[in-house]
Amino acid sequence: MIIVKVVVVIVVVVVVVVVVVVVVVVVGLVVGVVVVVVVVVVVIVVRRPALWPSGKDTRSEIGRYGFDPRPSQTKEFKIGISS
């Protein structure tokens, strides 16, 4: 009878440990996925003008880089006409 009680206690302890480990792993994965999704959404919202230029970019390109990185189409057009 003592052997049966010991076996039952061991089985219960093993089952409880396995359940706790599975719950911790699942909760960790869910929290990790939520954190990744939140970070991606924040980055997309913050960087939206750079990703999808809507013509209403409030950030000045000249102020951002110290010079305008976009090529001037008018200079190339004038050079094309003069040559």
PDB file of N, CA and C in Angstrom:
ATOM      1  N   MET A   1       0.829  -1.203   0.000  1.00  0.00           N
ATOM      2  CA  MET A   1       0.000   0.000   0.000  1.00  0.00           C
ATOM      3  C   MET A   1       0.861   1.251   0.000  1.00  0.00           C
ATOM      4  N   ILE A   2       1.966   1.206   0.710  1.00  0.00           N
ATOM      5  CA  ILE A   2       2.875   2.360   0.751  1.00  0.00           C
ATOM      6  C   ILE A   2       3.472   2.597  -0.641  1.00  0.00           C
ATOM      7  N   ILE A   3       3.798   1.530  -1.339  1.00  0.00           N
ATOM      8  CA  ILE A   3       4.375   1.668  -2.678  1.00  0.00           C
ATOM      9  C   ILE A   3       3.372   2.346  -3.603  1.00  0.00           C
ATOM     10  N   VAL A   4       2.120   1.993  -3.521  1.00  0.00           N
ATOM     11  CA  VAL A   4       1.088   2.603  -4.358  1.00  0.00           C
ATOM     12  C   VAL A   4       0.982   4.096  -4.050  1.00  0.00           C
ATOM     13  N   LYS A   5       1.022   4.469  -2.773  1.00  0.00           N
ATOM     14  CA  LYS A   5       0.946   5.889  -2.399  1.00  0.00           C
ATOM     15  C   LYS A   5       2.157   6.646  -2.940  1.00  0.00           C
ATOM     16  N   VAL A   6       3.333   6.074  -2.847  1.00  0.00           N
ATOM     17  CA  VAL A   6       4.541   6.730  -3.345  1.00  0.00           C
ATOM     18  C   VAL A   6       4.446   6.916  -4.859  1.00  0.00           C
ATOM     19  N   VAL A   7       3.983   5.904  -5.564  1.00  0.00           N
ATOM     20  CA  VAL A   7       3.850   5.997  -7.017  1.00  0.00           C
ATOM     21  C   VAL A   7       2.823   7.071  -7.378  1.00  0.00           C
ATOM     22  N   VAL A   8       1.714   7.126  -6.672  1.00  0.00           N
ATOM     23  CA  VAL A   8       0.686   8.129  -6.937  1.00  0.00           C
ATOM     24  C   VAL A   8       1.244   9.531  -6.694  1.00  0.00           C
ATOM     25  N   VAL A   9       1.977   9.711  -5.601  1.00  0.00           N
ATOM     26  CA  VAL A   9       2.562  11.017  -5.294  1.00  0.00           C
ATOM     27  C   VAL A   9       3.553  11.405  -6.388  1.00  0.00           C
ATOM     28  N   ILE A  10       4.385  10.484  -6.819  1.00  0.00           N
ATOM     29  CA  ILE A  10       5.372  10.778  -7.870  1.00  0.00           C
ATOM     30  C   ILE A  10       4.650  11.158  -9.172  1.00  0.00           C
ATOM     31  N   VAL A  11       3.614  10.431  -9.537  1.00  0.00           N
ATOM     32  CA  VAL A  11       2.875  10.720 -10.767  1.00  0.00           C
ATOM     33  C   VAL A  11       2.219  12.094 -10.674  1.00  0.00           C
ATOM     34  N   VAL A  12       1.620  12.400  -9.528  1.00  0.00           N
ATOM     35  CA  VAL A  12       0.977  13.713  -9.362  1.00  0.00           C
ATOM     36  C   VAL A  12       2.014  14.821  -9.457  1.00  0.00           C
ATOM     37  N   VAL A  13       3.164  14.661  -8.815  1.00  0.00           N
ATOM     38  CA  VAL A  13       4.212  15.694  -8.869  1.00  0.00           C
ATOM     39  C   VAL A  13       4.697  15.877 -10.304  1.00  0.00           C
ATOM     40  N   VAL A  14       4.913  14.801 -11.027  1.00  0.00           N
ATOM     41  CA  VAL A  14       5.384  14.890 -12.407  1.00  0.00           C
ATOM     42  C   VAL A  14       4.335  15.591 -13.272  1.00  0.00           C
ATOM     43  N   VAL A  15       3.072  15.240 -13.101  1.00  0.00           N
ATOM     44  CA  VAL A  15       2.013  15.868 -13.900  1.00  0.00           C
ATOM     45  C   VAL A  15       1.939  17.359 -13.589  1.00  0.00           C
ATOM     46  N   VAL A  16       2.017  17.738 -12.315  1.00  0.00           N
ATOM     47  CA  VAL A  16       1.957  19.150 -11.940  1.00  0.00           C
ATOM     48  C   VAL A  16       3.146  19.901 -12.533  1.00  0.00           C
ATOM     49  N   VAL A  17       4.347  19.333 -12.457  1.00  0.00           N
ATOM     50  CA  VAL A  17       5.537  19.991 -13.007  1.00  0.00           C
ATOM     51  C   VAL A  17       5.390  20.161 -14.517  1.00  0.00           C
ATOM     52  N   VAL A  18       4.923  19.144 -15.200  1.00  0.00           N
ATOM     53  CA  VAL A  18       4.755  19.228 -16.658  1.00  0.00           C
ATOM     54  C   VAL A  18       3.726  20.302 -17.007  1.00  0.00           C
ATOM     55  N   VAL A  19       2.611  20.347 -16.281  1.00  0.00           N
ATOM     56  CA  VAL A  19       1.577  21.352 -16.559  1.00  0.00           C
ATOM     57  C   VAL A  19       2.130  22.754 -16.316  1.00  0.00           C
ATOM     58  N   VAL A  20       2.861  22.950 -15.226  1.00  0.00           N
ATOM     59  CA  VAL A  20       3.432  24.271 -14.928  1.00  0.00           C
ATOM     60  C   VAL A  20       4.413  24.678 -16.024  1.00  0.00           C
ATOM     61  N   VAL A  21       5.267  23.774 -16.459  1.00  0.00           N
ATOM     62  CA  VAL A  21       6.241  24.094 -17.511  1.00  0.00           C
ATOM     63  C   VAL A  21       5.523  24.449 -18.804  1.00  0.00           C
ATOM     64  N   VAL A  22       4.502  23.686 -19.177  1.00  0.00           N
ATOM     65  CA  VAL A  22       3.767  23.973 -20.410  1.00  0.00           C
ATOM     66  C   VAL A  22       3.085  25.336 -20.317  1.00  0.00           C
ATOM     67  N   VAL A  23       2.469  25.638 -19.183  1.00  0.00           N
ATOM     68  CA  VAL A  23       1.799  26.935 -19.023  1.00  0.00           C
ATOM     69  C   VAL A  23       2.813  28.070 -19.115  1.00  0.00           C
ATOM     70  N   VAL A  24       3.967  27.918 -18.469  1.00  0.00           N
ATOM     71  CA  VAL A  24       4.994  28.977 -18.514  1.00  0.00           C
ATOM     72  C   VAL A  24       5.489  29.180 -19.946  1.00  0.00           C
ATOM     73  N   VAL A  25       5.712  28.108 -20.668  1.00  0.00           N
ATOM     74  CA  VAL A  25       6.194  28.223 -22.049  1.00  0.00           C
ATOM     75  C   VAL A  25       5.140  28.892 -22.930  1.00  0.00           C
ATOM     76  N   VAL A  26       3.891  28.485 -22.798  1.00  0.00           N
ATOM     77  CA  VAL A  26       2.827  29.065 -23.626  1.00  0.00           C
ATOM     78  C   VAL A  26       2.650  30.546 -23.309  1.00  0.00           C
ATOM     79  N   VAL A  27       2.628  30.883 -22.015  1.00  0.00           N
ATOM     80  CA  VAL A  27       2.488  32.297 -21.637  1.00  0.00           C
ATOM     81  C   VAL A  27       3.683  33.093 -22.153  1.00  0.00           C
ATOM     82  N   GLY A  28       4.876  32.537 -22.070  1.00  0.00           N
ATOM     83  CA  GLY A  28       6.066  33.227 -22.588  1.00  0.00           C
ATOM     84  C   GLY A  28       5.979  33.467 -24.086  1.00  0.00           C
ATOM     85  N   LEU A  29       5.512  32.470 -24.824  1.00  0.00           N
ATOM     86  CA  LEU A  29       5.370  32.639 -26.271  1.00  0.00           C
ATOM     87  C   LEU A  29       4.327  33.701 -26.602  1.00  0.00           C
ATOM     88  N   VAL A  30       3.205  33.677 -25.893  1.00  0.00           N
ATOM     89  CA  VAL A  30       2.150  34.665 -26.156  1.00  0.00           C
ATOM     90  C   VAL A  30       2.666  36.069 -25.853  1.00  0.00           C
ATOM     91  N   VAL A  31       3.334  36.231 -24.719  1.00  0.00           N
ATOM     92  CA  VAL A  31       3.873  37.551 -24.358  1.00  0.00           C
ATOM     93  C   VAL A  31       4.906  37.991 -25.397  1.00  0.00           C
ATOM     94  N   GLY A  32       5.764  37.077 -25.847  1.00  0.00           N
ATOM     95  CA  GLY A  32       6.756  37.420 -26.862  1.00  0.00           C
ATOM     96  C   GLY A  32       6.122  37.869 -28.158  1.00  0.00           C
ATOM     97  N   VAL A  33       5.087  37.157 -28.605  1.00  0.00           N
ATOM     98  CA  VAL A  33       4.401  37.539 -29.848  1.00  0.00           C
ATOM     99  C   VAL A  33       3.737  38.901 -29.686  1.00  0.00           C
ATOM    100  N   VAL A  34       3.102  39.136 -28.532  1.00  0.00           N
ATOM    101  CA  VAL A  34       2.443  40.433 -28.305  1.00  0.00           C
ATOM    102  C   VAL A  34       3.471  41.557 -28.319  1.00  0.00           C
ATOM    103  N   VAL A  35       4.620  41.343 -27.681  1.00  0.00           N
ATOM    104  CA  VAL A  35       5.660  42.382 -27.647  1.00  0.00           C
ATOM    105  C   VAL A  35       6.154  42.673 -29.060  1.00  0.00           C
ATOM    106  N   VAL A  36       6.396  41.637 -29.856  1.00  0.00           N
ATOM    107  CA  VAL A  36       6.870  41.833 -31.231  1.00  0.00           C
ATOM    108  C   VAL A  36       5.836  42.598 -32.052  1.00  0.00           C
ATOM    109  N   VAL A  37       4.560  42.231 -31.916  1.00  0.00           N
ATOM    110  CA  VAL A  37       3.507  42.911 -32.681  1.00  0.00           C
ATOM    111  C   VAL A  37       3.426  44.383 -32.273  1.00  0.00           C
ATOM    112  N   VAL A  38       3.497  44.660 -30.968  1.00  0.00           N
ATOM    113  CA  VAL A  38       3.420  46.047 -30.500  1.00  0.00           C
ATOM    114  C   VAL A  38       4.599  46.849 -31.036  1.00  0.00           C
ATOM    115  N   VAL A  39       5.806  46.276 -30.986  1.00  0.00           N
ATOM    116  CA  VAL A  39       6.989  46.996 -31.474  1.00  0.00           C
ATOM    117  C   VAL A  39       6.860  47.273 -32.970  1.00  0.00           C
ATOM    118  N   VAL A  40       6.410  46.296 -33.743  1.00  0.00           N
ATOM    119  CA  VAL A  40       6.261  46.497 -35.193  1.00  0.00           C
ATOM    120  C   VAL A  40       5.231  47.587 -35.481  1.00  0.00           C
ATOM    121  N   VAL A  41       4.106  47.564 -34.763  1.00  0.00           N
ATOM    122  CA  VAL A  41       3.075  48.579 -34.987  1.00  0.00           C
ATOM    123  C   VAL A  41       3.595  49.966 -34.631  1.00  0.00           C
ATOM    124  N   VAL A  42       4.318  50.080 -33.514  1.00  0.00           N
ATOM    125  CA  VAL A  42       4.858  51.384 -33.109  1.00  0.00           C
ATOM    126  C   VAL A  42       5.859  51.882 -34.143  1.00  0.00           C
ATOM    127  N   VAL A  43       6.724  51.001 -34.630  1.00  0.00           N
ATOM    128  CA  VAL A  43       7.718  51.412 -35.631  1.00  0.00           C
ATOM    129  C   VAL A  43       7.012  51.861 -36.913  1.00  0.00           C
ATOM    130  N   ILE A  44       5.979  51.133 -37.332  1.00  0.00           N
ATOM    131  CA  ILE A  44       5.267  51.513 -38.556  1.00  0.00           C
ATOM    132  C   ILE A  44       4.578  52.860 -38.373  1.00  0.00           C
ATOM    133  N   VAL A  45       3.959  53.073 -37.215  1.00  0.00           N
ATOM    134  CA  VAL A  45       3.250  54.342 -36.982  1.00  0.00           C
ATOM    135  C   VAL A  45       4.237  55.497 -36.921  1.00  0.00           C
ATOM    136  N   VAL A  46       5.386  55.282 -36.251  1.00  0.00           N
ATOM    137  CA  VAL A  46       6.364  56.374 -36.113  1.00  0.00           C
ATOM    138  C   VAL A  46       7.028  56.670 -37.447  1.00  0.00           C
ATOM    139  N   ARG A  47       7.313  55.643 -38.235  1.00  0.00           N
ATOM    140  CA  ARG A  47       8.057  55.814 -39.486  1.00  0.00           C
ATOM    141  C   ARG A  47       7.141  55.955 -40.695  1.00  0.00           C
ATOM    142  N   ARG A  48       5.844  56.154 -40.496  1.00  0.00           N
ATOM    143  CA  ARG A  48       4.895  56.152 -41.620  1.00  0.00           C
ATOM    144  C   ARG A  48       5.282  57.122 -42.734  1.00  0.00           C
ATOM    145  N   PRO A  49       5.654  58.372 -42.448  1.00  0.00           N
ATOM    146  CA  PRO A  49       5.990  59.275 -43.566  1.00  0.00           C
ATOM    147  C   PRO A  49       7.150  58.754 -44.409  1.00  0.00           C
ATOM    148  N   ALA A  50       8.091  58.050 -43.768  1.00  0.00           N
ATOM    149  CA  ALA A  50       9.225  57.526 -44.528  1.00  0.00           C
ATOM    150  C   ALA A  50       8.817  56.295 -45.336  1.00  0.00           C
ATOM    151  N   LEU A  51       7.860  55.510 -44.816  1.00  0.00           N
ATOM    152  CA  LEU A  51       7.469  54.296 -45.523  1.00  0.00           C
ATOM    153  C   LEU A  51       6.445  54.586 -46.621  1.00  0.00           C
ATOM    154  N   TRP A  52       5.455  55.397 -46.282  1.00  0.00           N
ATOM    155  CA  TRP A  52       4.412  55.712 -47.254  1.00  0.00           C
ATOM    156  C   TRP A  52       4.325  57.214 -47.404  1.00  0.00           C
ATOM    157  N   PRO A  53       5.112  57.816 -48.272  1.00  0.00           N
ATOM    158  CA  PRO A  53       5.031  59.270 -48.431  1.00  0.00           C
ATOM    159  C   PRO A  53       3.651  59.652 -48.971  1.00  0.00           C
ATOM    160  N   SER A  54       2.942  60.435 -48.205  1.00  0.00           N
ATOM    161  CA  SER A  54       1.586  60.800 -48.599  1.00  0.00           C
ATOM    162  C   SER A  54       1.551  62.200 -49.183  1.00  0.00           C
ATOM    163  N   GLY A  55       2.699  62.845 -49.332  1.00  0.00           N
ATOM    164  CA  GLY A  55       2.708  64.213 -49.800  1.00  0.00           C
ATOM    165  C   GLY A  55       2.513  65.209 -48.673  1.00  0.00           C
ATOM    166  N   LYS A  56       2.285  64.703 -47.470  1.00  0.00           N
ATOM    167  CA  LYS A  56       2.076  65.578 -46.318  1.00  0.00           C
ATOM    168  C   LYS A  56       3.134  65.280 -45.259  1.00  0.00           C
ATOM    169  N   ASP A  57       4.342  65.031 -45.675  1.00  0.00           N
ATOM    170  CA  ASP A  57       5.420  64.722 -44.741  1.00  0.00           C
ATOM    171  C   ASP A  57       5.741  65.982 -43.950  1.00  0.00           C
ATOM    172  N   THR A  58       5.506  65.913 -42.648  1.00  0.00           N
ATOM    173  CA  THR A  58       5.734  67.100 -41.821  1.00  0.00           C
ATOM    174  C   THR A  58       7.219  67.297 -41.525  1.00  0.00           C
ATOM    175  N   ARG A  59       7.996  66.228 -41.682  1.00  0.00           N
ATOM    176  CA  ARG A  59       9.424  66.347 -41.410  1.00  0.00           C
ATOM    177  C   ARG A  59      10.137  66.861 -42.659  1.00  0.00           C
ATOM    178  N   SER A  60      10.894  67.921 -42.504  1.00  0.00           N
ATOM    179  CA  SER A  60      11.613  68.496 -43.636  1.00  0.00           C
ATOM    180  C   SER A  60      12.796  67.609 -43.988  1.00  0.00           C
ATOM    181  N   GLU A  61      12.924  67.275 -45.260  1.00  0.00           N
ATOM    182  CA  GLU A  61      14.064  66.463 -45.689  1.00  0.00           C
ATOM    183  C   GLU A  61      15.366  67.240 -45.504  1.00  0.00           C
ATOM    184  N   ILE A  62      15.331  68.541 -45.745  1.00  0.00           N
ATOM    185  CA  ILE A  62      16.550  69.336 -45.613  1.00  0.00           C
ATOM    186  C   ILE A  62      16.965  69.391 -44.147  1.00  0.00           C
ATOM    187  N   GLY A  63      15.992  69.571 -43.247  1.00  0.00           N
ATOM    188  CA  GLY A  63      16.312  69.622 -41.830  1.00  0.00           C
ATOM    189  C   GLY A  63      16.763  68.285 -41.294  1.00  0.00           C
ATOM    190  N   ARG A  64      16.359  67.216 -41.939  1.00  0.00           N
ATOM    191  CA  ARG A  64      16.692  65.884 -41.451  1.00  0.00           C
ATOM    192  C   ARG A  64      18.121  65.496 -41.830  1.00  0.00           C
ATOM    193  N   TYR A  65      18.549  65.861 -43.017  1.00  0.00           N
ATOM    194  CA  TYR A  65      19.849  65.420 -43.506  1.00  0.00           C
ATOM    195  C   TYR A  65      20.872  66.554 -43.566  1.00  0.00           C
ATOM    196  N   GLY A  66      20.441  67.787 -43.415  1.00  0.00           N
ATOM    197  CA  GLY A  66      21.348  68.917 -43.584  1.00  0.00           C
ATOM    198  C   GLY A  66      21.428  69.353 -45.037  1.00  0.00           C
ATOM    199  N   PHE A  67      20.880  68.531 -45.934  1.00  0.00           N
ATOM    200  CA  PHE A  67      20.797  68.881 -47.351  1.00  0.00           C
ATOM    201  C   PHE A  67      19.609  68.103 -47.899  1.00  0.00           C
ATOM    202  N   ASP A  68      19.163  68.472 -49.054  1.00  0.00           N
ATOM    203  CA  ASP A  68      18.032  67.775 -49.653  1.00  0.00           C
ATOM    204  C   ASP A  68      18.561  66.553 -50.407  1.00  0.00           C
ATOM    205  N   PRO A  69      18.286  65.343 -49.918  1.00  0.00           N
ATOM    206  CA  PRO A  69      18.852  64.147 -50.559  1.00  0.00           C
ATOM    207  C   PRO A  69      18.165  63.795 -51.873  1.00  0.00           C
ATOM    208  N   ARG A  70      17.015  64.407 -52.125  1.00  0.00           N
ATOM    209  CA  ARG A  70      16.296  64.064 -53.356  1.00  0.00           C
ATOM    210  C   ARG A  70      16.939  64.787 -54.530  1.00  0.00           C
ATOM    211  N   PRO A  71      17.150  64.106 -55.628  1.00  0.00           N
ATOM    212  CA  PRO A  71      17.785  64.763 -56.779  1.00  0.00           C
ATOM    213  C   PRO A  71      16.880  65.849 -57.341  1.00  0.00           C
ATOM    214  N   SER A  72      17.478  66.918 -57.732  1.00  0.00           N
ATOM    215  CA  SER A  72      16.705  68.024 -58.280  1.00  0.00           C
ATOM    216  C   SER A  72      16.399  67.722 -59.747  1.00  0.00           C
ATOM    217  N   GLN A  73      15.119  67.569 -60.036  1.00  0.00           N
ATOM    218  CA  GLN A  73      14.726  67.269 -61.417  1.00  0.00           C
ATOM    219  C   GLN A  73      14.931  68.483 -62.329  1.00  0.00           C
ATOM    220  N   THR A  74      14.820  69.680 -61.761  1.00  0.00           N
ATOM    221  CA  THR A  74      14.928  70.871 -62.607  1.00  0.00           C
ATOM    222  C   THR A  74      16.343  71.019 -63.147  1.00  0.00           C
ATOM    223  N   LYS A  75      17.369  70.720 -62.339  1.00  0.00           N
ATOM    224  CA  LYS A  75      18.748  70.826 -62.820  1.00  0.00           C
ATOM    225  C   LYS A  75      18.982  69.852 -63.977  1.00  0.00           C
ATOM    226  N   GLU A  76      18.540  68.616 -63.809  1.00  0.00           N
ATOM    227  CA  GLU A  76      18.743  67.629 -64.873  1.00  0.00           C
ATOM    228  C   GLU A  76      17.974  68.048 -66.124  1.00  0.00           C
ATOM    229  N   PHE A  77      16.807  68.606 -65.932  1.00  0.00           N
ATOM    230  CA  PHE A  77      16.004  69.041 -67.074  1.00  0.00           C
ATOM    231  C   PHE A  77      16.708  70.177 -67.820  1.00  0.00           C
ATOM    232  N   LYS A  78      17.246  71.137 -67.064  1.00  0.00           N
ATOM    233  CA  LYS A  78      17.943  72.256 -67.703  1.00  0.00           C
ATOM    234  C   LYS A  78      19.201  71.769 -68.431  1.00  0.00           C
ATOM    235  N   ILE A  79      19.930  70.838 -67.792  1.00  0.00           N
ATOM    236  CA  ILE A  79      21.147  70.317 -68.431  1.00  0.00           C
ATOM    237  C   ILE A  79      20.769  69.608 -69.743  1.00  0.00           C
ATOM    238  N   GLY A  80      19.672  68.856 -69.686  1.00  0.00           N
ATOM    239  CA  GLY A  80      19.229  68.145 -70.890  1.00  0.00           C
ATOM    240  C   GLY A  80      18.873  69.099 -72.011  1.00  0.00           C
ATOM    241  N   ILE A  81      18.288  70.227 -71.687  1.00  0.00           N
ATOM    242  CA  ILE A  81      17.904  71.191 -72.737  1.00  0.00           C
ATOM    243  C   ILE A  81      19.151  71.882 -73.283  1.00  0.00           C
ATOM    244  N   SER A  82      20.072  72.278 -72.398  1.00  0.00           N
ATOM    245  CA  SER A  82      21.229  73.054 -72.846  1.00  0.00           C
ATOM    246  C   SER A  82      22.154  72.217 -73.721  1.00  0.00           C
ATOM    247  N   SER A  83      22.180  70.913 -73.509  1.00  0.00           N
ATOM    248  CA  SER A  83      23.066  70.099 -74.340  1.00  0.00           C
ATOM    249  C   SER A  83      22.301  69.703 -75.584  1.00  0.00           C
TER     250      SER A  83
END
